[in-house]
Amino acid sequence: MNLVVRALAAGMTAALALNGVAAAAGDSQPGTEMVRAQNPCAAKNPCAAKNPCAAQNPCAAKNPCAAAAKVDPKMVTRPAGTKLVLAGKGDLLTEGERLWKDPKLSTNGLSCYTCHQNNAAFKATFAKAYPHLVEMPKDRAGLKQVHIDEMVQLCMLIPMASKPLPWDSKELAALSAYSLQVQKTFKPGAAQPSATNPCATKNPCAAKNPCGAKNPCAAKNPCAPNK
């Protein structure tokens, strides 16, 4: 008798479970799915995991456009007594141009050329003779002025997310020499932002992009974390 009762109870439980599944499936109407799709917190919206505001995109914390931690000024300050490698100017410029376009110097696929093709992304102060005050070293490392090799070292750290080059290396001397060569062609106000430059105005890190202040991924939107 007990076996029969148990069997009947098990059958009723299974039937109720199947009815629950059917009811749940019946609740998922096309209109409901449309509402979910338009919901700013739904899976396929700008606040979802695979959108331009997600962790692995150009607006993420580890990219060249994001706010970064301060840099130890010792890492980008030329040690006393250091002299750049001396070589033929032609050789240095040739090697410097090659390195300028070499993304292998970085850990994120960027090169000097990525940001500065067609003289893009340079501040007007780039036209001044070195050493001089540069905004990025001042903001990130507290340096009042930098030499050209120190500026190269800072670019190795930010935005290329790499390590400084050895101070006595031919690579640093070549990049410094080529940077000065590029400086000769720079005219403040003439350069246009590069479309492929991650810090240019029309890219995912710019002010009017999906990660900007007035978009669904901004701080005051339904998908933002509660403070």
C-alpha atoms as a PDB file:
ATOM      1  CA  MET A   1       0.000   0.000   0.000  1.00  0.00           C
ATOM      2  CA  ASN A   2       2.753   2.386   0.940  1.00  0.00           C
ATOM      3  CA  LEU A   3       4.486   1.652  -2.348  1.00  0.00           C
ATOM      4  CA  VAL A   4       1.320   2.560  -4.269  1.00  0.00           C
ATOM      5  CA  VAL A   5       0.904   5.824  -2.369  1.00  0.00           C
ATOM      6  CA  ARG A   6       4.509   6.744  -2.995  1.00  0.00           C
ATOM      7  CA  ALA A   7       4.173   6.000  -6.700  1.00  0.00           C
ATOM      8  CA  LEU A   8       1.049   8.140  -6.983  1.00  0.00           C
ATOM      9  CA  ALA A   9       2.759  10.991  -5.099  1.00  0.00           C
ATOM     10  CA  ALA A  10       5.776  10.825  -7.385  1.00  0.00           C
ATOM     11  CA  GLY A  11       3.527  10.936 -10.437  1.00  0.00           C
ATOM     12  CA  MET A  12       1.677  13.985  -9.167  1.00  0.00           C
ATOM     13  CA  THR A  13       4.974  15.780  -8.421  1.00  0.00           C
ATOM     14  CA  ALA A  14       6.241  15.103 -11.944  1.00  0.00           C
ATOM     15  CA  ALA A  15       2.984  16.314 -13.462  1.00  0.00           C
ATOM     16  CA  LEU A  16       3.093  19.534 -11.462  1.00  0.00           C
ATOM     17  CA  ALA A  17       6.689  20.101 -12.533  1.00  0.00           C
ATOM     18  CA  LEU A  18       5.781  19.661 -16.204  1.00  0.00           C
ATOM     19  CA  ASN A  19       2.862  22.042 -15.833  1.00  0.00           C
ATOM     20  CA  GLY A  20       5.183  24.620 -14.270  1.00  0.00           C
ATOM     21  CA  VAL A  21       7.575  24.365 -17.198  1.00  0.00           C
ATOM     22  CA  ALA A  22       4.720  24.734 -19.657  1.00  0.00           C
ATOM     23  CA  ALA A  23       3.381  27.735 -17.786  1.00  0.00           C
ATOM     24  CA  ALA A  24       6.803  29.359 -17.733  1.00  0.00           C
ATOM     25  CA  ALA A  25       7.148  28.775 -21.454  1.00  0.00           C
ATOM     26  CA  GLY A  26       3.691  30.215 -22.037  1.00  0.00           C
ATOM     27  CA  ASP A  27       4.636  33.373 -20.130  1.00  0.00           C
ATOM     28  CA  SER A  28       7.447  34.122 -22.625  1.00  0.00           C
ATOM     29  CA  GLN A  29       5.430  36.014 -25.217  1.00  0.00           C
ATOM     30  CA  PRO A  30       6.902  37.960 -28.192  1.00  0.00           C
ATOM     31  CA  GLY A  31       5.889  41.231 -26.566  1.00  0.00           C
ATOM     32  CA  THR A  32       7.730  40.320 -23.410  1.00  0.00           C
ATOM     33  CA  GLU A  33      10.868  39.471 -25.368  1.00  0.00           C
ATOM     34  CA  MET A  34      10.668  42.868 -27.120  1.00  0.00           C
ATOM     35  CA  VAL A  35      10.498  44.633 -23.786  1.00  0.00           C
ATOM     36  CA  ARG A  36      13.519  42.680 -22.594  1.00  0.00           C
ATOM     37  CA  ALA A  37      15.469  43.593 -25.718  1.00  0.00           C
ATOM     38  CA  GLN A  38      14.753  47.280 -25.206  1.00  0.00           C
ATOM     39  CA  ASN A  39      15.582  47.140 -21.537  1.00  0.00           C
ATOM     40  CA  PRO A  40      18.914  48.945 -20.960  1.00  0.00           C
ATOM     41  CA  CYS A  41      19.896  46.169 -18.592  1.00  0.00           C
ATOM     42  CA  ALA A  42      19.089  43.361 -21.026  1.00  0.00           C
ATOM     43  CA  ALA A  43      21.755  41.128 -22.533  1.00  0.00           C
ATOM     44  CA  LYS A  44      22.006  42.846 -25.941  1.00  0.00           C
ATOM     45  CA  ASN A  45      22.193  46.456 -24.845  1.00  0.00           C
ATOM     46  CA  PRO A  46      25.109  48.917 -24.369  1.00  0.00           C
ATOM     47  CA  CYS A  47      25.426  47.971 -20.721  1.00  0.00           C
ATOM     48  CA  ALA A  48      25.820  44.258 -21.402  1.00  0.00           C
ATOM     49  CA  ALA A  49      29.062  42.337 -20.999  1.00  0.00           C
ATOM     50  CA  LYS A  50      30.111  42.378 -24.670  1.00  0.00           C
ATOM     51  CA  ASN A  51      29.472  46.035 -25.406  1.00  0.00           C
ATOM     52  CA  PRO A  52      31.778  49.051 -25.891  1.00  0.00           C
ATOM     53  CA  CYS A  53      31.656  49.810 -22.184  1.00  0.00           C
ATOM     54  CA  ALA A  54      32.667  46.326 -21.102  1.00  0.00           C
ATOM     55  CA  ALA A  55      36.014  45.465 -19.546  1.00  0.00           C
ATOM     56  CA  GLN A  56      37.802  44.336 -22.729  1.00  0.00           C
ATOM     57  CA  ASN A  57      37.101  47.386 -24.874  1.00  0.00           C
ATOM     58  CA  PRO A  58      38.930  50.644 -25.661  1.00  0.00           C
ATOM     59  CA  CYS A  59      37.135  52.408 -22.815  1.00  0.00           C
ATOM     60  CA  ALA A  60      38.283  49.925 -20.202  1.00  0.00           C
ATOM     61  CA  ALA A  61      40.645  50.720 -17.367  1.00  0.00           C
ATOM     62  CA  LYS A  62      43.763  49.208 -18.963  1.00  0.00           C
ATOM     63  CA  ASN A  63      43.623  51.125 -22.222  1.00  0.00           C
ATOM     64  CA  PRO A  64      45.519  54.248 -23.272  1.00  0.00           C
ATOM     65  CA  CYS A  65      42.467  56.469 -23.052  1.00  0.00           C
ATOM     66  CA  ALA A  66      41.450  55.474 -19.582  1.00  0.00           C
ATOM     67  CA  ALA A  67      42.512  57.194 -16.417  1.00  0.00           C
ATOM     68  CA  ALA A  68      45.738  55.657 -15.211  1.00  0.00           C
ATOM     69  CA  ALA A  69      47.604  55.503 -11.959  1.00  0.00           C
ATOM     70  CA  LYS A  70      50.501  57.825 -11.340  1.00  0.00           C
ATOM     71  CA  VAL A  71      53.884  56.846 -12.737  1.00  0.00           C
ATOM     72  CA  ASP A  72      56.990  56.731 -10.582  1.00  0.00           C
ATOM     73  CA  PRO A  73      59.052  59.667 -11.915  1.00  0.00           C
ATOM     74  CA  LYS A  74      62.248  57.652 -11.395  1.00  0.00           C
ATOM     75  CA  MET A  75      61.138  55.281 -14.147  1.00  0.00           C
ATOM     76  CA  VAL A  76      61.122  58.041 -16.743  1.00  0.00           C
ATOM     77  CA  THR A  77      63.827  60.375 -15.428  1.00  0.00           C
ATOM     78  CA  ARG A  78      67.203  60.041 -17.118  1.00  0.00           C
ATOM     79  CA  PRO A  79      69.790  58.834 -14.583  1.00  0.00           C
ATOM     80  CA  ALA A  80      72.610  61.270 -13.886  1.00  0.00           C
ATOM     81  CA  GLY A  81      75.549  60.798 -16.233  1.00  0.00           C
ATOM     82  CA  THR A  82      73.548  58.868 -18.827  1.00  0.00           C
ATOM     83  CA  LYS A  83      74.377  59.556 -22.448  1.00  0.00           C
ATOM     84  CA  LEU A  84      72.378  58.321 -25.389  1.00  0.00           C
ATOM     85  CA  VAL A  85      74.084  55.909 -27.750  1.00  0.00           C
ATOM     86  CA  LEU A  86      76.077  57.720 -30.389  1.00  0.00           C
ATOM     87  CA  ALA A  87      75.665  56.472 -33.952  1.00  0.00           C
ATOM     88  CA  GLY A  88      75.384  57.828 -37.442  1.00  0.00           C
ATOM     89  CA  LYS A  89      72.386  60.127 -37.739  1.00  0.00           C
ATOM     90  CA  GLY A  90      71.141  58.310 -40.825  1.00  0.00           C
ATOM     91  CA  ASP A  91      71.311  54.936 -39.098  1.00  0.00           C
ATOM     92  CA  LEU A  92      69.486  56.245 -36.037  1.00  0.00           C
ATOM     93  CA  LEU A  93      66.722  57.820 -38.099  1.00  0.00           C
ATOM     94  CA  THR A  94      66.221  54.661 -40.163  1.00  0.00           C
ATOM     95  CA  GLU A  95      66.058  52.502 -37.065  1.00  0.00           C
ATOM     96  CA  GLY A  96      63.926  55.065 -35.281  1.00  0.00           C
ATOM     97  CA  GLU A  97      61.339  55.138 -38.074  1.00  0.00           C
ATOM     98  CA  ARG A  98      61.154  51.353 -38.013  1.00  0.00           C
ATOM     99  CA  LEU A  99      60.639  51.290 -34.243  1.00  0.00           C
ATOM    100  CA  TRP A 100      58.143  54.175 -34.478  1.00  0.00           C
ATOM    101  CA  LYS A 101      55.828  51.846 -36.419  1.00  0.00           C
ATOM    102  CA  ASP A 102      56.619  48.656 -34.524  1.00  0.00           C
ATOM    103  CA  PRO A 103      53.701  47.458 -32.319  1.00  0.00           C
ATOM    104  CA  LYS A 104      55.958  44.792 -30.822  1.00  0.00           C
ATOM    105  CA  LEU A 105      57.388  47.442 -28.495  1.00  0.00           C
ATOM    106  CA  SER A 106      54.040  47.527 -26.701  1.00  0.00           C
ATOM    107  CA  THR A 107      51.938  44.955 -24.888  1.00  0.00           C
ATOM    108  CA  ASN A 108      48.645  46.182 -26.348  1.00  0.00           C
ATOM    109  CA  GLY A 109      49.327  46.320 -30.077  1.00  0.00           C
ATOM    110  CA  LEU A 110      49.996  50.049 -30.193  1.00  0.00           C
ATOM    111  CA  SER A 111      52.990  51.802 -31.687  1.00  0.00           C
ATOM    112  CA  CYS A 112      54.108  55.423 -31.738  1.00  0.00           C
ATOM    113  CA  TYR A 113      52.608  55.633 -35.221  1.00  0.00           C
ATOM    114  CA  THR A 114      49.209  54.458 -33.971  1.00  0.00           C
ATOM    115  CA  CYS A 115      48.695  57.695 -32.070  1.00  0.00           C
ATOM    116  CA  HIS A 116      50.869  60.073 -34.050  1.00  0.00           C
ATOM    117  CA  GLN A 117      50.407  59.299 -37.735  1.00  0.00           C
ATOM    118  CA  ASN A 118      50.090  62.524 -39.687  1.00  0.00           C
ATOM    119  CA  ASN A 119      51.320  64.338 -36.550  1.00  0.00           C
ATOM    120  CA  ALA A 120      48.067  63.552 -34.760  1.00  0.00           C
ATOM    121  CA  ALA A 121      47.622  63.684 -30.971  1.00  0.00           C
ATOM    122  CA  PHE A 122      50.531  66.048 -30.349  1.00  0.00           C
ATOM    123  CA  LYS A 123      49.987  69.023 -28.093  1.00  0.00           C
ATOM    124  CA  ALA A 124      51.079  72.454 -29.317  1.00  0.00           C
ATOM    125  CA  THR A 125      54.012  72.274 -26.899  1.00  0.00           C
ATOM    126  CA  PHE A 126      55.533  69.515 -29.046  1.00  0.00           C
ATOM    127  CA  ALA A 127      56.865  72.275 -31.284  1.00  0.00           C
ATOM    128  CA  LYS A 128      59.021  73.647 -28.449  1.00  0.00           C
ATOM    129  CA  ALA A 129      62.667  72.702 -28.042  1.00  0.00           C
ATOM    130  CA  TYR A 130      63.338  70.016 -25.439  1.00  0.00           C
ATOM    131  CA  PRO A 131      63.434  69.991 -22.490  1.00  0.00           C
ATOM    132  CA  HIS A 132      60.060  71.612 -21.853  1.00  0.00           C
ATOM    133  CA  LEU A 133      56.830  71.117 -19.923  1.00  0.00           C
ATOM    134  CA  VAL A 134      54.570  68.388 -21.341  1.00  0.00           C
ATOM    135  CA  GLU A 135      51.093  67.764 -19.998  1.00  0.00           C
ATOM    136  CA  MET A 136      51.221  63.966 -19.723  1.00  0.00           C
ATOM    137  CA  PRO A 137      54.508  63.723 -17.768  1.00  0.00           C
ATOM    138  CA  LYS A 138      53.325  66.541 -15.536  1.00  0.00           C
ATOM    139  CA  ASP A 139      49.979  64.878 -14.803  1.00  0.00           C
ATOM    140  CA  ARG A 140      51.219  61.311 -14.512  1.00  0.00           C
ATOM    141  CA  ALA A 141      54.684  61.718 -13.013  1.00  0.00           C
ATOM    142  CA  GLY A 142      54.762  65.257 -11.622  1.00  0.00           C
ATOM    143  CA  LEU A 143      57.635  66.283 -13.912  1.00  0.00           C
ATOM    144  CA  LYS A 144      57.955  69.989 -14.663  1.00  0.00           C
ATOM    145  CA  GLN A 145      59.880  69.335 -17.865  1.00  0.00           C
ATOM    146  CA  VAL A 146      61.204  66.397 -19.869  1.00  0.00           C
ATOM    147  CA  HIS A 147      63.915  65.637 -22.387  1.00  0.00           C
ATOM    148  CA  ILE A 148      62.949  63.834 -25.566  1.00  0.00           C
ATOM    149  CA  ASP A 149      64.298  60.470 -24.361  1.00  0.00           C
ATOM    150  CA  GLU A 150      62.310  60.827 -21.138  1.00  0.00           C
ATOM    151  CA  MET A 151      59.193  61.506 -23.189  1.00  0.00           C
ATOM    152  CA  VAL A 152      59.840  58.322 -25.167  1.00  0.00           C
ATOM    153  CA  GLN A 153      60.147  56.380 -21.929  1.00  0.00           C
ATOM    154  CA  LEU A 154      56.848  57.748 -20.669  1.00  0.00           C
ATOM    155  CA  CYS A 155      55.168  56.737 -23.916  1.00  0.00           C
ATOM    156  CA  MET A 156      56.556  53.250 -23.445  1.00  0.00           C
ATOM    157  CA  LEU A 157      54.708  53.111 -20.138  1.00  0.00           C
ATOM    158  CA  ILE A 158      51.666  55.112 -21.266  1.00  0.00           C
ATOM    159  CA  PRO A 159      49.951  54.405 -23.616  1.00  0.00           C
ATOM    160  CA  MET A 160      51.993  51.425 -24.877  1.00  0.00           C
ATOM    161  CA  ALA A 161      51.701  49.605 -21.543  1.00  0.00           C
ATOM    162  CA  SER A 162      55.258  48.343 -21.757  1.00  0.00           C
ATOM    163  CA  LYS A 163      58.523  48.823 -19.865  1.00  0.00           C
ATOM    164  CA  PRO A 164      61.049  51.660 -20.283  1.00  0.00           C
ATOM    165  CA  LEU A 165      63.880  50.958 -22.688  1.00  0.00           C
ATOM    166  CA  PRO A 166      67.428  50.689 -21.319  1.00  0.00           C
ATOM    167  CA  TRP A 167      68.808  54.205 -21.101  1.00  0.00           C
ATOM    168  CA  ASP A 168      71.989  53.229 -22.933  1.00  0.00           C
ATOM    169  CA  SER A 169      70.183  51.296 -25.692  1.00  0.00           C
ATOM    170  CA  LYS A 170      70.309  52.034 -29.386  1.00  0.00           C
ATOM    171  CA  GLU A 171      66.505  51.653 -29.459  1.00  0.00           C
ATOM    172  CA  LEU A 172      66.006  54.593 -27.122  1.00  0.00           C
ATOM    173  CA  ALA A 173      68.550  56.695 -28.987  1.00  0.00           C
ATOM    174  CA  ALA A 174      66.900  55.857 -32.317  1.00  0.00           C
ATOM    175  CA  LEU A 175      63.377  56.636 -31.152  1.00  0.00           C
ATOM    176  CA  SER A 176      64.568  59.884 -29.591  1.00  0.00           C
ATOM    177  CA  ALA A 177      66.354  60.927 -32.786  1.00  0.00           C
ATOM    178  CA  TYR A 178      63.352  60.088 -34.959  1.00  0.00           C
ATOM    179  CA  SER A 179      60.975  61.887 -32.591  1.00  0.00           C
ATOM    180  CA  LEU A 180      63.038  65.031 -33.033  1.00  0.00           C
ATOM    181  CA  GLN A 181      62.876  64.509 -36.785  1.00  0.00           C
ATOM    182  CA  VAL A 182      59.073  64.247 -36.599  1.00  0.00           C
ATOM    183  CA  GLN A 183      59.042  67.398 -34.485  1.00  0.00           C
ATOM    184  CA  LYS A 184      60.538  69.347 -37.388  1.00  0.00           C
ATOM    185  CA  THR A 185      57.467  68.598 -39.508  1.00  0.00           C
ATOM    186  CA  PHE A 186      54.949  69.452 -36.798  1.00  0.00           C
ATOM    187  CA  LYS A 187      52.881  72.626 -37.014  1.00  0.00           C
ATOM    188  CA  PRO A 188      50.524  73.385 -34.109  1.00  0.00           C
ATOM    189  CA  GLY A 189      46.916  73.412 -35.254  1.00  0.00           C
ATOM    190  CA  ALA A 190      47.634  71.772 -38.592  1.00  0.00           C
ATOM    191  CA  ALA A 191      47.425  68.126 -37.540  1.00  0.00           C
ATOM    192  CA  GLN A 192      44.120  66.270 -37.621  1.00  0.00           C
ATOM    193  CA  PRO A 193      43.190  63.556 -35.125  1.00  0.00           C
ATOM    194  CA  SER A 194      43.928  60.112 -36.457  1.00  0.00           C
ATOM    195  CA  ALA A 195      40.923  57.845 -36.988  1.00  0.00           C
ATOM    196  CA  THR A 196      42.859  54.833 -35.718  1.00  0.00           C
ATOM    197  CA  ASN A 197      44.395  56.650 -32.783  1.00  0.00           C
ATOM    198  CA  PRO A 198      42.814  55.316 -29.569  1.00  0.00           C
ATOM    199  CA  CYS A 199      42.959  58.801 -28.105  1.00  0.00           C
ATOM    200  CA  ALA A 200      41.485  60.604 -31.111  1.00  0.00           C
ATOM    201  CA  THR A 201      38.192  62.480 -30.962  1.00  0.00           C
ATOM    202  CA  LYS A 202      36.126  60.059 -33.075  1.00  0.00           C
ATOM    203  CA  ASN A 203      37.023  56.847 -31.290  1.00  0.00           C
ATOM    204  CA  PRO A 204      35.417  54.758 -28.515  1.00  0.00           C
ATOM    205  CA  CYS A 205      37.309  56.723 -25.873  1.00  0.00           C
ATOM    206  CA  ALA A 206      36.159  60.136 -27.060  1.00  0.00           C
ATOM    207  CA  ALA A 207      33.618  62.386 -25.380  1.00  0.00           C
ATOM    208  CA  LYS A 208      30.582  61.563 -27.592  1.00  0.00           C
ATOM    209  CA  ASN A 209      30.990  57.799 -27.678  1.00  0.00           C
ATOM    210  CA  PRO A 210      29.128  54.854 -26.089  1.00  0.00           C
ATOM    211  CA  CYS A 211      31.268  55.242 -22.988  1.00  0.00           C
ATOM    212  CA  GLY A 212      30.674  58.977 -22.638  1.00  0.00           C
ATOM    213  CA  ALA A 213      28.771  60.726 -19.884  1.00  0.00           C
ATOM    214  CA  LYS A 214      25.365  60.936 -21.635  1.00  0.00           C
ATOM    215  CA  ASN A 215      24.997  57.326 -22.703  1.00  0.00           C
ATOM    216  CA  PRO A 216      23.380  54.156 -21.285  1.00  0.00           C
ATOM    217  CA  CYS A 217      26.694  53.112 -19.755  1.00  0.00           C
ATOM    218  CA  ALA A 218      27.234  56.354 -17.866  1.00  0.00           C
ATOM    219  CA  ALA A 219      27.231  56.687 -14.107  1.00  0.00           C
ATOM    220  CA  LYS A 220      23.558  57.711 -13.711  1.00  0.00           C
ATOM    221  CA  ASN A 221      21.991  55.034 -15.896  1.00  0.00           C
ATOM    222  CA  PRO A 222      19.919  51.943 -14.944  1.00  0.00           C
ATOM    223  CA  CYS A 223      22.878  49.641 -15.547  1.00  0.00           C
ATOM    224  CA  ALA A 224      25.386  51.506 -13.443  1.00  0.00           C
ATOM    225  CA  PRO A 225      26.406  49.993 -10.118  1.00  0.00           C
ATOM    226  CA  ASN A 226      24.751  51.455  -7.064  1.00  0.00           C
ATOM    227  CA  LYS A 227      26.982  53.547  -4.875  1.00  0.00           C
END
